Amino acid sequence: MKRYETIFIAHPDLPDDTIDEIVERLRKTITDLKGIVVKVEKWGKRKLAYPIKKQQKGYYILMDFVGQRTVVTELEKNMKFDDKVLKYMSVKKAEKVDLEEIEKEIADAGKKEKTEDITTTEAAPAAETDPAPAPVPDTAPVPDTAPVPDTVQTPAPDTETVADTEGEETPEESSEEKEHKE
């Protein structure tokens, strides 16, 4: 068996349950052909590099699985005829895989998801009890660079320019310099 990775982009306007149905249908295709789904990652909506089927955004999904070449062929055939899938690409990650190592990776991914769920549920009540944000200090940190002089020396403007813009604020003049003149 070989290890493959397929990334596909679904239509961005699809509801989450429709995307879940697409993923489950593809997962079933893999398992029906004696393949093993290692992981499925939903990356969410992202801006496309270029328009695909007149769409500027797409919903990205990554499927990592183990199987024969026939699995990839069938998977790509299903995605080709599905109007909800904008684009797809499959890549072979490894020529031969150790099934024990794959099972261990699947088990580790399952444990990681459970701990993330527990952490999320524990963090939610804490957010409810402490709605106030942390106080922000009034002073900004001082950079380690050399001090900036208070006055900036600029060359004297031409007399014609001064006569044309007299009384008007130039982009170079700050409000402090204007007050200083008066």
C-alpha atoms as a PDB file:
ATOM      1  CA  MET A   1       0.000   0.000   0.000  1.00  0.00           C
ATOM      2  CA  LYS A   2       1.051   3.575  -0.658  1.00  0.00           C
ATOM      3  CA  ARG A   3       0.348   6.778   1.209  1.00  0.00           C
ATOM      4  CA  TYR A   4      -1.440   9.618  -0.557  1.00  0.00           C
ATOM      5  CA  GLU A   5      -2.592  13.103   0.255  1.00  0.00           C
ATOM      6  CA  THR A   6      -5.469  14.794  -1.555  1.00  0.00           C
ATOM      7  CA  ILE A   7      -6.314  18.448  -1.207  1.00  0.00           C
ATOM      8  CA  PHE A   8      -9.552  19.677  -2.697  1.00  0.00           C
ATOM      9  CA  ILE A   9     -11.332  22.999  -2.787  1.00  0.00           C
ATOM     10  CA  ALA A  10     -15.090  23.009  -2.279  1.00  0.00           C
ATOM     11  CA  HIS A  11     -17.484  25.784  -3.253  1.00  0.00           C
ATOM     12  CA  PRO A  12     -17.252  28.539  -0.585  1.00  0.00           C
ATOM     13  CA  ASP A  13     -21.022  29.042  -0.225  1.00  0.00           C
ATOM     14  CA  LEU A  14     -21.727  25.477   0.891  1.00  0.00           C
ATOM     15  CA  PRO A  15     -23.043  24.975   4.429  1.00  0.00           C
ATOM     16  CA  ASP A  16     -20.925  22.929   6.847  1.00  0.00           C
ATOM     17  CA  ASP A  17     -23.248  19.917   6.738  1.00  0.00           C
ATOM     18  CA  THR A  18     -22.881  19.683   2.930  1.00  0.00           C
ATOM     19  CA  ILE A  19     -19.085  19.817   3.254  1.00  0.00           C
ATOM     20  CA  ASP A  20     -19.287  17.078   5.889  1.00  0.00           C
ATOM     21  CA  GLU A  21     -21.380  14.979   3.465  1.00  0.00           C
ATOM     22  CA  ILE A  22     -18.739  15.403   0.729  1.00  0.00           C
ATOM     23  CA  VAL A  23     -15.959  14.386   3.132  1.00  0.00           C
ATOM     24  CA  GLU A  24     -17.944  11.364   4.370  1.00  0.00           C
ATOM     25  CA  ARG A  25     -18.736  10.260   0.802  1.00  0.00           C
ATOM     26  CA  LEU A  26     -15.030  10.439  -0.120  1.00  0.00           C
ATOM     27  CA  ARG A  27     -14.066   8.683   3.122  1.00  0.00           C
ATOM     28  CA  LYS A  28     -16.535   5.891   2.260  1.00  0.00           C
ATOM     29  CA  THR A  29     -15.009   5.597  -1.232  1.00  0.00           C
ATOM     30  CA  ILE A  30     -11.559   5.151   0.314  1.00  0.00           C
ATOM     31  CA  THR A  31     -12.688   2.526   2.851  1.00  0.00           C
ATOM     32  CA  ASP A  32     -14.808   0.625   0.259  1.00  0.00           C
ATOM     33  CA  LEU A  33     -11.660   0.141  -1.830  1.00  0.00           C
ATOM     34  CA  LYS A  34      -9.756  -1.194   1.224  1.00  0.00           C
ATOM     35  CA  GLY A  35      -7.967   2.072   1.948  1.00  0.00           C
ATOM     36  CA  ILE A  36      -7.356   3.649   5.349  1.00  0.00           C
ATOM     37  CA  VAL A  37      -8.115   7.292   6.103  1.00  0.00           C
ATOM     38  CA  VAL A  38      -5.315   8.633   8.289  1.00  0.00           C
ATOM     39  CA  LYS A  39      -6.620  12.163   8.813  1.00  0.00           C
ATOM     40  CA  VAL A  40      -8.978  14.782   7.433  1.00  0.00           C
ATOM     41  CA  GLU A  41      -8.211  18.453   8.019  1.00  0.00           C
ATOM     42  CA  LYS A  42     -10.714  21.172   7.210  1.00  0.00           C
ATOM     43  CA  TRP A  43      -8.705  24.317   6.596  1.00  0.00           C
ATOM     44  CA  GLY A  44     -11.767  26.509   6.073  1.00  0.00           C
ATOM     45  CA  LYS A  45     -12.485  29.313   3.638  1.00  0.00           C
ATOM     46  CA  ARG A  46      -9.503  30.992   2.058  1.00  0.00           C
ATOM     47  CA  LYS A  47      -8.906  33.407  -0.771  1.00  0.00           C
ATOM     48  CA  LEU A  48      -7.852  31.709  -3.985  1.00  0.00           C
ATOM     49  CA  ALA A  49      -4.694  32.758  -5.822  1.00  0.00           C
ATOM     50  CA  TYR A  50      -6.754  33.083  -8.995  1.00  0.00           C
ATOM     51  CA  PRO A  51     -10.471  32.699  -9.783  1.00  0.00           C
ATOM     52  CA  ILE A  52     -11.651  29.108 -10.233  1.00  0.00           C
ATOM     53  CA  LYS A  53     -15.068  28.663 -11.857  1.00  0.00           C
ATOM     54  CA  LYS A  54     -15.729  32.371 -11.211  1.00  0.00           C
ATOM     55  CA  GLN A  55     -15.082  31.987  -7.467  1.00  0.00           C
ATOM     56  CA  GLN A  56     -12.614  34.161  -5.508  1.00  0.00           C
ATOM     57  CA  LYS A  57     -12.722  32.006  -2.349  1.00  0.00           C
ATOM     58  CA  GLY A  58     -12.866  28.300  -1.632  1.00  0.00           C
ATOM     59  CA  TYR A  59     -13.204  25.860   1.267  1.00  0.00           C
ATOM     60  CA  TYR A  60      -9.982  23.828   1.566  1.00  0.00           C
ATOM     61  CA  ILE A  61      -9.988  20.211   2.795  1.00  0.00           C
ATOM     62  CA  LEU A  62      -6.983  17.880   3.127  1.00  0.00           C
ATOM     63  CA  MET A  63      -7.370  14.099   3.195  1.00  0.00           C
ATOM     64  CA  ASP A  64      -4.423  11.888   4.115  1.00  0.00           C
ATOM     65  CA  PHE A  65      -4.939   8.186   3.371  1.00  0.00           C
ATOM     66  CA  VAL A  66      -3.308   4.854   2.580  1.00  0.00           C
ATOM     67  CA  GLY A  67      -4.351   2.683  -0.344  1.00  0.00           C
ATOM     68  CA  GLN A  68      -3.681   1.437  -3.850  1.00  0.00           C
ATOM     69  CA  ARG A  69      -3.622   3.561  -7.003  1.00  0.00           C
ATOM     70  CA  THR A  70      -7.211   2.502  -7.743  1.00  0.00           C
ATOM     71  CA  VAL A  71      -8.342   4.398  -4.632  1.00  0.00           C
ATOM     72  CA  VAL A  72      -6.853   7.641  -5.960  1.00  0.00           C
ATOM     73  CA  THR A  73      -8.337   7.070  -9.411  1.00  0.00           C
ATOM     74  CA  GLU A  74     -11.822   6.488  -8.017  1.00  0.00           C
ATOM     75  CA  LEU A  75     -11.545   9.414  -5.595  1.00  0.00           C
ATOM     76  CA  GLU A  76     -10.507  11.806  -8.365  1.00  0.00           C
ATOM     77  CA  LYS A  77     -13.272  10.496 -10.636  1.00  0.00           C
ATOM     78  CA  ASN A  78     -15.851  11.239  -7.926  1.00  0.00           C
ATOM     79  CA  MET A  79     -14.484  14.760  -7.397  1.00  0.00           C
ATOM     80  CA  LYS A  80     -14.330  15.438 -11.142  1.00  0.00           C
ATOM     81  CA  PHE A  81     -18.076  14.919 -11.553  1.00  0.00           C
ATOM     82  CA  ASP A  82     -19.057  16.749  -8.356  1.00  0.00           C
ATOM     83  CA  ASP A  83     -20.010  20.374  -9.080  1.00  0.00           C
ATOM     84  CA  LYS A  84     -19.418  21.275  -5.434  1.00  0.00           C
ATOM     85  CA  VAL A  85     -15.676  20.574  -5.805  1.00  0.00           C
ATOM     86  CA  LEU A  86     -13.850  23.383  -7.605  1.00  0.00           C
ATOM     87  CA  LYS A  87     -10.404  21.796  -7.830  1.00  0.00           C
ATOM     88  CA  TYR A  88      -8.434  18.848  -6.430  1.00  0.00           C
ATOM     89  CA  MET A  89      -4.916  17.472  -6.395  1.00  0.00           C
ATOM     90  CA  SER A  90      -3.518  14.157  -5.179  1.00  0.00           C
ATOM     91  CA  VAL A  91       0.103  13.529  -4.247  1.00  0.00           C
ATOM     92  CA  LYS A  92       1.883  10.292  -3.364  1.00  0.00           C
ATOM     93  CA  LYS A  93       3.675  10.805  -0.046  1.00  0.00           C
ATOM     94  CA  ALA A  94       5.295   7.379   0.386  1.00  0.00           C
ATOM     95  CA  GLU A  95       5.827   4.322  -1.788  1.00  0.00           C
ATOM     96  CA  LYS A  96       5.475   1.781   1.041  1.00  0.00           C
ATOM     97  CA  VAL A  97       3.933   2.245   4.460  1.00  0.00           C
ATOM     98  CA  ASP A  98       4.023   0.332   7.711  1.00  0.00           C
ATOM     99  CA  LEU A  99       0.425  -0.348   8.798  1.00  0.00           C
ATOM    100  CA  GLU A 100       1.382  -0.460  12.493  1.00  0.00           C
ATOM    101  CA  GLU A 101       2.893   3.001  12.198  1.00  0.00           C
ATOM    102  CA  ILE A 102      -0.257   4.284  10.441  1.00  0.00           C
ATOM    103  CA  GLU A 103      -2.504   2.840  13.167  1.00  0.00           C
ATOM    104  CA  LYS A 104      -0.330   4.495  15.826  1.00  0.00           C
ATOM    105  CA  GLU A 105      -0.556   7.829  13.957  1.00  0.00           C
ATOM    106  CA  ILE A 106      -4.366   7.537  13.767  1.00  0.00           C
ATOM    107  CA  ALA A 107      -4.539   6.759  17.504  1.00  0.00           C
ATOM    108  CA  ASP A 108      -2.287   9.737  18.336  1.00  0.00           C
ATOM    109  CA  ALA A 109      -4.457  12.017  16.191  1.00  0.00           C
ATOM    110  CA  GLY A 110      -7.560  10.775  18.034  1.00  0.00           C
ATOM    111  CA  LYS A 111      -5.974  11.483  21.425  1.00  0.00           C
ATOM    112  CA  LYS A 112      -4.921  14.947  20.274  1.00  0.00           C
ATOM    113  CA  GLU A 113      -8.478  15.776  19.153  1.00  0.00           C
ATOM    114  CA  LYS A 114      -9.870  14.637  22.508  1.00  0.00           C
ATOM    115  CA  THR A 115      -7.435  16.814  24.467  1.00  0.00           C
ATOM    116  CA  GLU A 116      -8.233  19.801  22.224  1.00  0.00           C
ATOM    117  CA  ASP A 117     -11.960  19.280  22.872  1.00  0.00           C
ATOM    118  CA  ILE A 118     -11.369  19.083  26.635  1.00  0.00           C
ATOM    119  CA  THR A 119      -9.178  22.194  26.563  1.00  0.00           C
ATOM    120  CA  THR A 120     -11.796  24.092  24.553  1.00  0.00           C
ATOM    121  CA  THR A 121     -14.626  23.163  26.931  1.00  0.00           C
ATOM    122  CA  GLU A 122     -12.532  24.056  29.989  1.00  0.00           C
ATOM    123  CA  ALA A 123     -11.457  27.393  28.512  1.00  0.00           C
ATOM    124  CA  ALA A 124     -15.011  28.446  27.634  1.00  0.00           C
ATOM    125  CA  PRO A 125     -16.274  28.786  31.250  1.00  0.00           C
ATOM    126  CA  ALA A 126     -13.122  30.659  32.231  1.00  0.00           C
ATOM    127  CA  ALA A 127     -13.809  33.203  29.487  1.00  0.00           C
ATOM    128  CA  GLU A 128     -17.316  33.744  30.843  1.00  0.00           C
ATOM    129  CA  THR A 129     -16.103  34.481  34.385  1.00  0.00           C
ATOM    130  CA  ASP A 130     -13.382  36.940  33.294  1.00  0.00           C
ATOM    131  CA  PRO A 131     -14.867  39.118  30.546  1.00  0.00           C
ATOM    132  CA  ALA A 132     -12.618  42.132  31.270  1.00  0.00           C
ATOM    133  CA  PRO A 133      -9.503  42.379  29.120  1.00  0.00           C
ATOM    134  CA  ALA A 134      -6.100  42.686  30.706  1.00  0.00           C
ATOM    135  CA  PRO A 135      -5.078  46.295  31.487  1.00  0.00           C
ATOM    136  CA  VAL A 136      -2.802  47.966  28.977  1.00  0.00           C
ATOM    137  CA  PRO A 137       0.138  49.969  30.352  1.00  0.00           C
ATOM    138  CA  ASP A 138      -0.013  53.730  29.702  1.00  0.00           C
ATOM    139  CA  THR A 139       3.607  53.975  28.627  1.00  0.00           C
ATOM    140  CA  ALA A 140       5.017  52.347  25.560  1.00  0.00           C
ATOM    141  CA  PRO A 141       8.291  50.424  25.820  1.00  0.00           C
ATOM    142  CA  VAL A 142      11.368  52.467  24.966  1.00  0.00           C
ATOM    143  CA  PRO A 143      13.323  51.103  21.989  1.00  0.00           C
ATOM    144  CA  ASP A 144      17.031  50.369  22.327  1.00  0.00           C
ATOM    145  CA  THR A 145      17.906  52.658  19.410  1.00  0.00           C
ATOM    146  CA  ALA A 146      19.646  56.014  19.550  1.00  0.00           C
ATOM    147  CA  PRO A 147      17.504  58.984  20.642  1.00  0.00           C
ATOM    148  CA  VAL A 148      15.833  61.050  17.944  1.00  0.00           C
ATOM    149  CA  PRO A 149      16.686  64.771  17.982  1.00  0.00           C
ATOM    150  CA  ASP A 150      13.849  67.183  18.828  1.00  0.00           C
ATOM    151  CA  THR A 151      14.441  69.363  15.778  1.00  0.00           C
ATOM    152  CA  VAL A 152      15.049  68.222  12.281  1.00  0.00           C
ATOM    153  CA  GLN A 153      17.274  70.417  10.180  1.00  0.00           C
ATOM    154  CA  THR A 154      16.061  70.843   6.632  1.00  0.00           C
ATOM    155  CA  PRO A 155      17.556  72.986   3.903  1.00  0.00           C
ATOM    156  CA  ALA A 156      16.029  76.441   3.476  1.00  0.00           C
ATOM    157  CA  PRO A 157      13.344  76.523   0.773  1.00  0.00           C
ATOM    158  CA  ASP A 158      13.621  78.729  -2.316  1.00  0.00           C
ATOM    159  CA  THR A 159      12.257  82.229  -1.945  1.00  0.00           C
ATOM    160  CA  GLU A 160       9.702  81.638  -4.712  1.00  0.00           C
ATOM    161  CA  THR A 161       8.313  78.624  -2.914  1.00  0.00           C
ATOM    162  CA  VAL A 162       8.040  80.527   0.354  1.00  0.00           C
ATOM    163  CA  ALA A 163       6.150  83.389  -1.303  1.00  0.00           C
ATOM    164  CA  ASP A 164       3.721  80.980  -3.030  1.00  0.00           C
ATOM    165  CA  THR A 165       2.911  78.970   0.080  1.00  0.00           C
ATOM    166  CA  GLU A 166       3.085  81.674   2.734  1.00  0.00           C
ATOM    167  CA  GLY A 167       0.344  81.209   5.325  1.00  0.00           C
ATOM    168  CA  GLU A 168      -0.477  77.676   4.090  1.00  0.00           C
ATOM    169  CA  GLU A 169       0.601  74.550   5.921  1.00  0.00           C
ATOM    170  CA  THR A 170       3.007  72.457   3.864  1.00  0.00           C
ATOM    171  CA  PRO A 171       3.136  68.686   4.210  1.00  0.00           C
ATOM    172  CA  GLU A 172       6.531  68.984   5.894  1.00  0.00           C
ATOM    173  CA  GLU A 173       5.198  71.407   8.545  1.00  0.00           C
ATOM    174  CA  SER A 174       3.824  69.789  11.628  1.00  0.00           C
ATOM    175  CA  SER A 175       1.247  71.408  13.876  1.00  0.00           C
ATOM    176  CA  GLU A 176       3.953  72.015  16.501  1.00  0.00           C
ATOM    177  CA  GLU A 177       6.114  73.957  14.031  1.00  0.00           C
ATOM    178  CA  LYS A 178       3.096  76.001  12.965  1.00  0.00           C
ATOM    179  CA  GLU A 179       2.382  76.947  16.596  1.00  0.00           C
ATOM    180  CA  HIS A 180       6.044  77.775  17.078  1.00  0.00           C
ATOM    181  CA  LYS A 181       5.951  80.274  14.153  1.00  0.00           C
ATOM    182  CA  GLU A 182       2.950  82.118  15.601  1.00  0.00           C
END
